[in-house]
Amino acid sequence: MAPFQVGDFVTFTGFRRGSEVVAFSIVAQNVQINTLGDTVYIRMELGLLGIDNPSANAEIAESRFIGFTSNNRATVSLFAMDVDPCTGEVTNRIIAAVGLRGGRNAQNKFEYRSEILSRYTREFFVVAEIDGIEKTILTKNNITAGTYVQPVNTWVQAEQDVPGVPPVPHDFSQMAFLTQGVGADASGNIWGPIQPFPQTGVTVNPPQCTAVAESAPSESGE
C-alpha cells in the first residue's frame, strides 16, 4: 500500500451519484509497486465474460481476466464466486491457476484467456500464491492484501457467425443470479429471480427458502 503523489495519473471505475463518485477500482496507472519476500499485492485490469449460446449459428467470445502482482515470484488462483440463493453466502469455485505471462515479465502481468461455458457469476475472486501457498496479509485498515474481488465489467454475448439466418438471441440461462436470485439482504429479504425474465424457454424456479421476510423479486432493468 502506498499513498498517491503529485504526478500520478489516476484511473477510476465506478459511477457518479449526485456529487459523489462510488468507485470499486482506483489505480495510479503510471506507477508500479514491487515487493520482495512473501508480500504480494494484486490489482486487476479486466474481467470479461464471453457468454455461451446453444445456437449452432453463434460463436462464443473468449473470457479474459487480466491483472498484475507486485511480486515476480507470485502466481494467482482465479475463482468464481457462487452465491447461495437463500442465504447469500458466497462459495469460491476454482476456475484456474494462472502464472505470470511468459513466466516472468516487466509488469508482473497475468492473463487468463479461455472459454467459460456455464455457471456465470457476477464477481470473481483472485488470490496470490507463492509456490502454491496463499500469501495474504491483513492490513491495519482491515484490507486483505493479496486478494481481489473482481466484478465482471464486460459481458459479451455470443456473436452470430452464419449470414442469412435470424439473429441469435442473447442467453441468460446460465446466470444463477438471474434464474435463482442473490439470497438474503441485511434485512432478511430474499431477492429471487429477475421478473419478468428476459428470455423465453427458460424454466425459472424461485428457491424454496426459510425466509425472514417474503421473497422480493428483482425488477427487470433495475
C-alpha atoms as a PDB file:
ATOM      1  CA  MET A   1       0.000   0.000   0.000  1.00  0.00           C
ATOM      2  CA  ALA A   2       1.314   3.442  -0.899  1.00  0.00           C
ATOM      3  CA  PRO A   3      -0.207   6.936  -0.965  1.00  0.00           C
ATOM      4  CA  PHE A   4      -0.876   8.798  -4.188  1.00  0.00           C
ATOM      5  CA  GLN A   5       1.608  11.546  -5.033  1.00  0.00           C
ATOM      6  CA  VAL A   6       1.557  14.612  -7.263  1.00  0.00           C
ATOM      7  CA  GLY A   7       2.245  13.460 -10.814  1.00  0.00           C
ATOM      8  CA  ASP A   8       0.404  10.151 -10.531  1.00  0.00           C
ATOM      9  CA  PHE A   9      -2.158   9.569 -13.278  1.00  0.00           C
ATOM     10  CA  VAL A  10      -5.259   8.142 -11.630  1.00  0.00           C
ATOM     11  CA  THR A  11      -7.856   5.973 -13.366  1.00  0.00           C
ATOM     12  CA  PHE A  12     -11.042   5.016 -11.533  1.00  0.00           C
ATOM     13  CA  THR A  13     -14.003   2.794 -12.353  1.00  0.00           C
ATOM     14  CA  GLY A  14     -17.405   3.342 -10.779  1.00  0.00           C
ATOM     15  CA  PHE A  15     -20.472   5.525 -11.082  1.00  0.00           C
ATOM     16  CA  ARG A  16     -21.486   9.041 -10.143  1.00  0.00           C
ATOM     17  CA  ARG A  17     -24.336   9.600  -7.695  1.00  0.00           C
ATOM     18  CA  GLY A  18     -25.032  13.285  -7.241  1.00  0.00           C
ATOM     19  CA  SER A  19     -21.785  14.931  -6.159  1.00  0.00           C
ATOM     20  CA  GLU A  20     -20.282  11.602  -5.075  1.00  0.00           C
ATOM     21  CA  VAL A  21     -18.364   9.040  -7.124  1.00  0.00           C
ATOM     22  CA  VAL A  22     -18.698   5.444  -5.936  1.00  0.00           C
ATOM     23  CA  ALA A  23     -15.605   3.654  -7.278  1.00  0.00           C
ATOM     24  CA  PHE A  24     -14.656  -0.009  -6.971  1.00  0.00           C
ATOM     25  CA  SER A  25     -11.251   0.496  -8.593  1.00  0.00           C
ATOM     26  CA  ILE A  26      -8.765   3.377  -8.253  1.00  0.00           C
ATOM     27  CA  VAL A  27      -5.388   2.929  -9.928  1.00  0.00           C
ATOM     28  CA  ALA A  28      -2.326   5.115 -10.453  1.00  0.00           C
ATOM     29  CA  GLN A  29      -1.642   3.719 -13.905  1.00  0.00           C
ATOM     30  CA  ASN A  30       1.887   5.079 -14.358  1.00  0.00           C
ATOM     31  CA  VAL A  31       3.188   3.651 -11.065  1.00  0.00           C
ATOM     32  CA  GLN A  32       4.410   0.145 -10.285  1.00  0.00           C
ATOM     33  CA  ILE A  33       4.957  -1.073  -6.723  1.00  0.00           C
ATOM     34  CA  ASN A  34       7.308  -4.052  -6.345  1.00  0.00           C
ATOM     35  CA  THR A  35       7.590  -6.241  -3.265  1.00  0.00           C
ATOM     36  CA  LEU A  36      10.033  -8.909  -2.117  1.00  0.00           C
ATOM     37  CA  GLY A  37       9.797 -11.995   0.056  1.00  0.00           C
ATOM     38  CA  ASP A  38       6.282 -13.281   0.629  1.00  0.00           C
ATOM     39  CA  THR A  39       4.490  -9.930   0.310  1.00  0.00           C
ATOM     40  CA  VAL A  40       2.160  -9.735  -2.689  1.00  0.00           C
ATOM     41  CA  TYR A  41      -0.348  -7.085  -3.771  1.00  0.00           C
ATOM     42  CA  ILE A  42      -2.778  -7.579  -6.646  1.00  0.00           C
ATOM     43  CA  ARG A  43      -4.623  -5.206  -8.910  1.00  0.00           C
ATOM     44  CA  MET A  44      -6.985  -6.142 -11.722  1.00  0.00           C
ATOM     45  CA  GLU A  45      -7.394  -4.503 -15.110  1.00  0.00           C
ATOM     46  CA  LEU A  46     -10.157  -6.521 -16.761  1.00  0.00           C
ATOM     47  CA  GLY A  47     -12.869  -9.062 -16.012  1.00  0.00           C
ATOM     48  CA  LEU A  48     -14.553 -10.061 -19.290  1.00  0.00           C
ATOM     49  CA  LEU A  49     -17.002 -12.945 -19.674  1.00  0.00           C
ATOM     50  CA  GLY A  50     -17.889 -14.419 -23.043  1.00  0.00           C
ATOM     51  CA  ILE A  51     -21.369 -15.964 -22.797  1.00  0.00           C
ATOM     52  CA  ASP A  52     -22.037 -19.298 -24.500  1.00  0.00           C
ATOM     53  CA  ASN A  53     -25.126 -19.828 -26.649  1.00  0.00           C
ATOM     54  CA  PRO A  54     -26.967 -23.062 -27.553  1.00  0.00           C
ATOM     55  CA  SER A  55     -27.454 -21.894 -31.152  1.00  0.00           C
ATOM     56  CA  ALA A  56     -25.274 -23.548 -33.789  1.00  0.00           C
ATOM     57  CA  ASN A  57     -25.159 -20.162 -35.525  1.00  0.00           C
ATOM     58  CA  ALA A  58     -23.310 -18.443 -32.674  1.00  0.00           C
ATOM     59  CA  GLU A  59     -19.660 -18.039 -31.770  1.00  0.00           C
ATOM     60  CA  ILE A  60     -18.612 -17.665 -28.132  1.00  0.00           C
ATOM     61  CA  ALA A  61     -16.147 -14.951 -27.149  1.00  0.00           C
ATOM     62  CA  GLU A  62     -13.073 -15.859 -25.140  1.00  0.00           C
ATOM     63  CA  SER A  63     -13.290 -14.906 -21.455  1.00  0.00           C
ATOM     64  CA  ARG A  64     -10.376 -12.837 -20.147  1.00  0.00           C
ATOM     65  CA  PHE A  65      -9.153 -11.833 -16.707  1.00  0.00           C
ATOM     66  CA  ILE A  66      -6.086  -9.588 -16.664  1.00  0.00           C
ATOM     67  CA  GLY A  67      -4.198  -8.230 -13.674  1.00  0.00           C
ATOM     68  CA  PHE A  68      -0.841  -7.529 -12.054  1.00  0.00           C
ATOM     69  CA  THR A  69       1.068  -8.646  -8.961  1.00  0.00           C
ATOM     70  CA  SER A  70       3.703  -6.726  -7.038  1.00  0.00           C
ATOM     71  CA  ASN A  71       5.961  -9.777  -6.665  1.00  0.00           C
ATOM     72  CA  ASN A  72       7.554 -11.540  -9.629  1.00  0.00           C
ATOM     73  CA  ARG A  73       7.539 -14.855  -7.734  1.00  0.00           C
ATOM     74  CA  ALA A  74       3.764 -14.884  -7.429  1.00  0.00           C
ATOM     75  CA  THR A  75       1.068 -16.735  -9.297  1.00  0.00           C
ATOM     76  CA  VAL A  76      -2.672 -16.377  -8.717  1.00  0.00           C
ATOM     77  CA  SER A  77      -5.716 -18.599  -8.422  1.00  0.00           C
ATOM     78  CA  LEU A  78      -8.954 -17.440 -10.058  1.00  0.00           C
ATOM     79  CA  PHE A  79     -12.294 -18.403  -8.502  1.00  0.00           C
ATOM     80  CA  ALA A  80     -15.928 -17.841  -9.470  1.00  0.00           C
ATOM     81  CA  MET A  81     -17.945 -16.539  -6.506  1.00  0.00           C
ATOM     82  CA  ASP A  82     -21.122 -18.643  -6.302  1.00  0.00           C
ATOM     83  CA  VAL A  83     -23.907 -17.096  -4.195  1.00  0.00           C
ATOM     84  CA  ASP A  84     -26.402 -19.203  -2.245  1.00  0.00           C
ATOM     85  CA  PRO A  85     -29.867 -18.090  -3.459  1.00  0.00           C
ATOM     86  CA  CYS A  86     -31.329 -18.421   0.048  1.00  0.00           C
ATOM     87  CA  THR A  87     -28.631 -17.174   2.416  1.00  0.00           C
ATOM     88  CA  GLY A  88     -26.498 -15.015   0.130  1.00  0.00           C
ATOM     89  CA  GLU A  89     -23.392 -16.822   1.390  1.00  0.00           C
ATOM     90  CA  VAL A  90     -20.502 -16.973  -1.085  1.00  0.00           C
ATOM     91  CA  THR A  91     -18.598 -20.119  -2.071  1.00  0.00           C
ATOM     92  CA  ASN A  92     -15.431 -19.791  -4.125  1.00  0.00           C
ATOM     93  CA  ARG A  93     -15.235 -22.237  -7.055  1.00  0.00           C
ATOM     94  CA  ILE A  94     -11.816 -22.681  -8.664  1.00  0.00           C
ATOM     95  CA  ILE A  95     -11.551 -21.728 -12.334  1.00  0.00           C
ATOM     96  CA  ALA A  96      -7.803 -21.823 -12.945  1.00  0.00           C
ATOM     97  CA  ALA A  97      -4.322 -21.300 -11.588  1.00  0.00           C
ATOM     98  CA  VAL A  98      -2.655 -18.510 -13.559  1.00  0.00           C
ATOM     99  CA  GLY A  99       1.048 -17.702 -13.822  1.00  0.00           C
ATOM    100  CA  LEU A 100       2.744 -14.528 -14.966  1.00  0.00           C
ATOM    101  CA  ARG A 101       2.643 -14.022 -18.725  1.00  0.00           C
ATOM    102  CA  GLY A 102       5.675 -15.660 -20.296  1.00  0.00           C
ATOM    103  CA  GLY A 103       6.731 -16.964 -16.889  1.00  0.00           C
ATOM    104  CA  ARG A 104       8.012 -13.513 -15.933  1.00  0.00           C
ATOM    105  CA  ASN A 105       7.608 -10.022 -17.410  1.00  0.00           C
ATOM    106  CA  ALA A 106       8.452  -6.423 -16.515  1.00  0.00           C
ATOM    107  CA  GLN A 107       4.900  -5.610 -15.384  1.00  0.00           C
ATOM    108  CA  ASN A 108       4.310  -8.839 -13.425  1.00  0.00           C
ATOM    109  CA  LYS A 109       1.206  -9.180 -15.588  1.00  0.00           C
ATOM    110  CA  PHE A 110      -1.007 -12.267 -15.581  1.00  0.00           C
ATOM    111  CA  GLU A 111      -3.737 -13.194 -18.055  1.00  0.00           C
ATOM    112  CA  TYR A 112      -6.414 -15.869 -18.074  1.00  0.00           C
ATOM    113  CA  ARG A 113      -7.873 -16.481 -21.530  1.00  0.00           C
ATOM    114  CA  SER A 114     -10.278 -19.330 -22.161  1.00  0.00           C
ATOM    115  CA  GLU A 115     -13.901 -20.169 -22.920  1.00  0.00           C
ATOM    116  CA  ILE A 116     -16.188 -20.409 -19.880  1.00  0.00           C
ATOM    117  CA  LEU A 117     -19.308 -22.306 -20.937  1.00  0.00           C
ATOM    118  CA  SER A 118     -21.615 -22.225 -17.917  1.00  0.00           C
ATOM    119  CA  ARG A 119     -22.303 -21.131 -14.306  1.00  0.00           C
ATOM    120  CA  TYR A 120     -21.572 -17.440 -14.801  1.00  0.00           C
ATOM    121  CA  THR A 121     -21.204 -15.271 -11.698  1.00  0.00           C
ATOM    122  CA  ARG A 122     -21.205 -11.524 -11.168  1.00  0.00           C
ATOM    123  CA  GLU A 123     -17.886 -11.484  -9.312  1.00  0.00           C
ATOM    124  CA  PHE A 124     -14.624 -13.417  -9.353  1.00  0.00           C
ATOM    125  CA  PHE A 125     -12.050 -13.808  -6.573  1.00  0.00           C
ATOM    126  CA  VAL A 126      -8.307 -13.673  -7.175  1.00  0.00           C
ATOM    127  CA  VAL A 127      -5.759 -14.732  -4.540  1.00  0.00           C
ATOM    128  CA  ALA A 128      -1.962 -14.553  -4.734  1.00  0.00           C
ATOM    129  CA  GLU A 129       0.206 -17.618  -4.192  1.00  0.00           C
ATOM    130  CA  ILE A 130       3.923 -18.334  -3.971  1.00  0.00           C
ATOM    131  CA  ASP A 131       4.979 -21.948  -4.521  1.00  0.00           C
ATOM    132  CA  GLY A 132       1.328 -22.977  -4.293  1.00  0.00           C
ATOM    133  CA  ILE A 133       0.752 -21.371  -0.871  1.00  0.00           C
ATOM    134  CA  GLU A 134      -1.634 -18.432  -0.448  1.00  0.00           C
ATOM    135  CA  LYS A 135       0.134 -15.204   0.535  1.00  0.00           C
ATOM    136  CA  THR A 136      -2.259 -12.738   2.129  1.00  0.00           C
ATOM    137  CA  ILE A 137      -1.806 -10.031   4.765  1.00  0.00           C
ATOM    138  CA  LEU A 138      -4.490  -8.352   6.862  1.00  0.00           C
ATOM    139  CA  THR A 139      -3.605  -4.649   6.910  1.00  0.00           C
ATOM    140  CA  LYS A 140      -4.208  -2.204   9.760  1.00  0.00           C
ATOM    141  CA  ASN A 141      -7.294  -0.839   7.991  1.00  0.00           C
ATOM    142  CA  ASN A 142      -8.730  -4.372   7.686  1.00  0.00           C
ATOM    143  CA  ILE A 143      -7.984  -4.944   3.996  1.00  0.00           C
ATOM    144  CA  THR A 144      -6.761  -8.408   2.997  1.00  0.00           C
ATOM    145  CA  ALA A 145      -3.803  -7.692   0.732  1.00  0.00           C
ATOM    146  CA  GLY A 146      -3.000 -10.415  -1.769  1.00  0.00           C
ATOM    147  CA  THR A 147      -6.653 -10.847  -2.747  1.00  0.00           C
ATOM    148  CA  TYR A 148      -9.004  -9.045  -5.113  1.00  0.00           C
ATOM    149  CA  VAL A 149     -12.742  -9.286  -5.772  1.00  0.00           C
ATOM    150  CA  GLN A 150     -13.201  -8.510  -9.465  1.00  0.00           C
ATOM    151  CA  PRO A 151     -16.707  -7.680 -10.699  1.00  0.00           C
ATOM    152  CA  VAL A 152     -17.355  -8.642 -14.296  1.00  0.00           C
ATOM    153  CA  ASN A 153     -17.057  -5.303 -16.070  1.00  0.00           C
ATOM    154  CA  THR A 154     -17.647  -6.588 -19.608  1.00  0.00           C
ATOM    155  CA  TRP A 155     -20.284  -9.121 -20.668  1.00  0.00           C
ATOM    156  CA  VAL A 156     -20.014 -10.335 -24.275  1.00  0.00           C
ATOM    157  CA  GLN A 157     -22.962 -12.312 -25.615  1.00  0.00           C
ATOM    158  CA  ALA A 158     -22.330 -14.871 -28.367  1.00  0.00           C
ATOM    159  CA  GLU A 159     -21.994 -13.406 -31.847  1.00  0.00           C
ATOM    160  CA  GLN A 160     -23.868 -14.625 -34.905  1.00  0.00           C
ATOM    161  CA  ASP A 161     -21.365 -16.154 -37.331  1.00  0.00           C
ATOM    162  CA  VAL A 162     -23.686 -17.516 -40.061  1.00  0.00           C
ATOM    163  CA  PRO A 163     -25.015 -14.979 -42.608  1.00  0.00           C
ATOM    164  CA  GLY A 164     -28.635 -15.041 -43.745  1.00  0.00           C
ATOM    165  CA  VAL A 165     -30.212 -16.571 -40.635  1.00  0.00           C
ATOM    166  CA  PRO A 166     -32.284 -14.879 -37.898  1.00  0.00           C
ATOM    167  CA  PRO A 167     -30.283 -13.013 -35.245  1.00  0.00           C
ATOM    168  CA  VAL A 168     -29.070 -15.132 -32.344  1.00  0.00           C
ATOM    169  CA  PRO A 169     -30.961 -14.293 -29.124  1.00  0.00           C
ATOM    170  CA  HIS A 170     -28.991 -13.485 -26.002  1.00  0.00           C
ATOM    171  CA  ASP A 171     -28.751 -16.326 -23.485  1.00  0.00           C
ATOM    172  CA  PHE A 172     -29.188 -15.786 -19.734  1.00  0.00           C
ATOM    173  CA  SER A 173     -29.919 -19.366 -18.678  1.00  0.00           C
ATOM    174  CA  GLN A 174     -26.518 -19.952 -17.050  1.00  0.00           C
ATOM    175  CA  MET A 175     -26.660 -16.848 -14.848  1.00  0.00           C
ATOM    176  CA  ALA A 176     -27.854 -18.164 -11.481  1.00  0.00           C
ATOM    177  CA  PHE A 177     -28.106 -14.642 -10.059  1.00  0.00           C
ATOM    178  CA  LEU A 178     -30.906 -14.077 -12.608  1.00  0.00           C
ATOM    179  CA  THR A 179     -32.541 -17.530 -12.641  1.00  0.00           C
ATOM    180  CA  GLN A 180     -32.400 -18.106  -8.856  1.00  0.00           C
ATOM    181  CA  GLY A 181     -31.549 -14.796  -7.229  1.00  0.00           C
ATOM    182  CA  VAL A 182     -28.861 -13.496  -4.904  1.00  0.00           C
ATOM    183  CA  GLY A 183     -30.121 -14.501  -1.473  1.00  0.00           C
ATOM    184  CA  ALA A 184     -30.951 -12.514   1.618  1.00  0.00           C
ATOM    185  CA  ASP A 185     -30.132  -8.868   2.244  1.00  0.00           C
ATOM    186  CA  ALA A 186     -29.289  -7.315   5.619  1.00  0.00           C
ATOM    187  CA  SER A 187     -32.997  -7.125   6.493  1.00  0.00           C
ATOM    188  CA  GLY A 188     -33.630 -10.783   5.702  1.00  0.00           C
ATOM    189  CA  ASN A 189     -35.456 -10.155   2.424  1.00  0.00           C
ATOM    190  CA  ILE A 190     -34.676 -12.844  -0.145  1.00  0.00           C
ATOM    191  CA  TRP A 191     -34.065 -11.441  -3.619  1.00  0.00           C
ATOM    192  CA  GLY A 192     -35.233 -14.076  -6.047  1.00  0.00           C
ATOM    193  CA  PRO A 193     -35.166 -14.477  -9.846  1.00  0.00           C
ATOM    194  CA  ILE A 194     -35.498 -11.460 -12.082  1.00  0.00           C
ATOM    195  CA  GLN A 195     -39.102 -10.824 -13.159  1.00  0.00           C
ATOM    196  CA  PRO A 196     -40.043 -10.736 -15.945  1.00  0.00           C
ATOM    197  CA  PHE A 197     -37.242 -12.996 -17.142  1.00  0.00           C
ATOM    198  CA  PRO A 198     -35.609 -11.577 -20.316  1.00  0.00           C
ATOM    199  CA  GLN A 199     -35.574 -14.876 -22.228  1.00  0.00           C
ATOM    200  CA  THR A 200     -38.273 -17.315 -23.344  1.00  0.00           C
ATOM    201  CA  GLY A 201     -37.924 -21.077 -22.972  1.00  0.00           C
ATOM    202  CA  VAL A 202     -36.019 -20.914 -19.678  1.00  0.00           C
ATOM    203  CA  THR A 203     -37.569 -22.509 -16.591  1.00  0.00           C
ATOM    204  CA  VAL A 204     -37.189 -20.179 -13.638  1.00  0.00           C
ATOM    205  CA  ASN A 205     -37.913 -21.778 -10.268  1.00  0.00           C
ATOM    206  CA  PRO A 206     -37.593 -19.495  -7.229  1.00  0.00           C
ATOM    207  CA  PRO A 207     -35.594 -21.233  -4.471  1.00  0.00           C
ATOM    208  CA  GLN A 208     -37.575 -22.644  -1.557  1.00  0.00           C
ATOM    209  CA  CYS A 209     -36.048 -20.815   1.388  1.00  0.00           C
ATOM    210  CA  THR A 210     -36.873 -20.384   5.039  1.00  0.00           C
ATOM    211  CA  ALA A 211     -37.163 -16.621   4.813  1.00  0.00           C
ATOM    212  CA  VAL A 212     -37.193 -13.946   7.465  1.00  0.00           C
ATOM    213  CA  ALA A 213     -39.280 -11.876   5.078  1.00  0.00           C
ATOM    214  CA  GLU A 214     -41.080 -12.614   1.824  1.00  0.00           C
ATOM    215  CA  SER A 215     -39.089 -13.153  -1.342  1.00  0.00           C
ATOM    216  CA  ALA A 216     -38.502  -9.866  -3.141  1.00  0.00           C
ATOM    217  CA  PRO A 217     -38.218 -10.433  -6.924  1.00  0.00           C
ATOM    218  CA  SER A 218     -35.768  -8.243  -8.807  1.00  0.00           C
ATOM    219  CA  GLU A 219     -37.329  -5.954 -11.394  1.00  0.00           C
ATOM    220  CA  SER A 220     -36.010  -6.145 -14.941  1.00  0.00           C
ATOM    221  CA  GLY A 221     -33.956  -3.090 -15.823  1.00  0.00           C
ATOM    222  CA  GLU A 222     -33.096  -2.186 -12.242  1.00  0.00           C
END
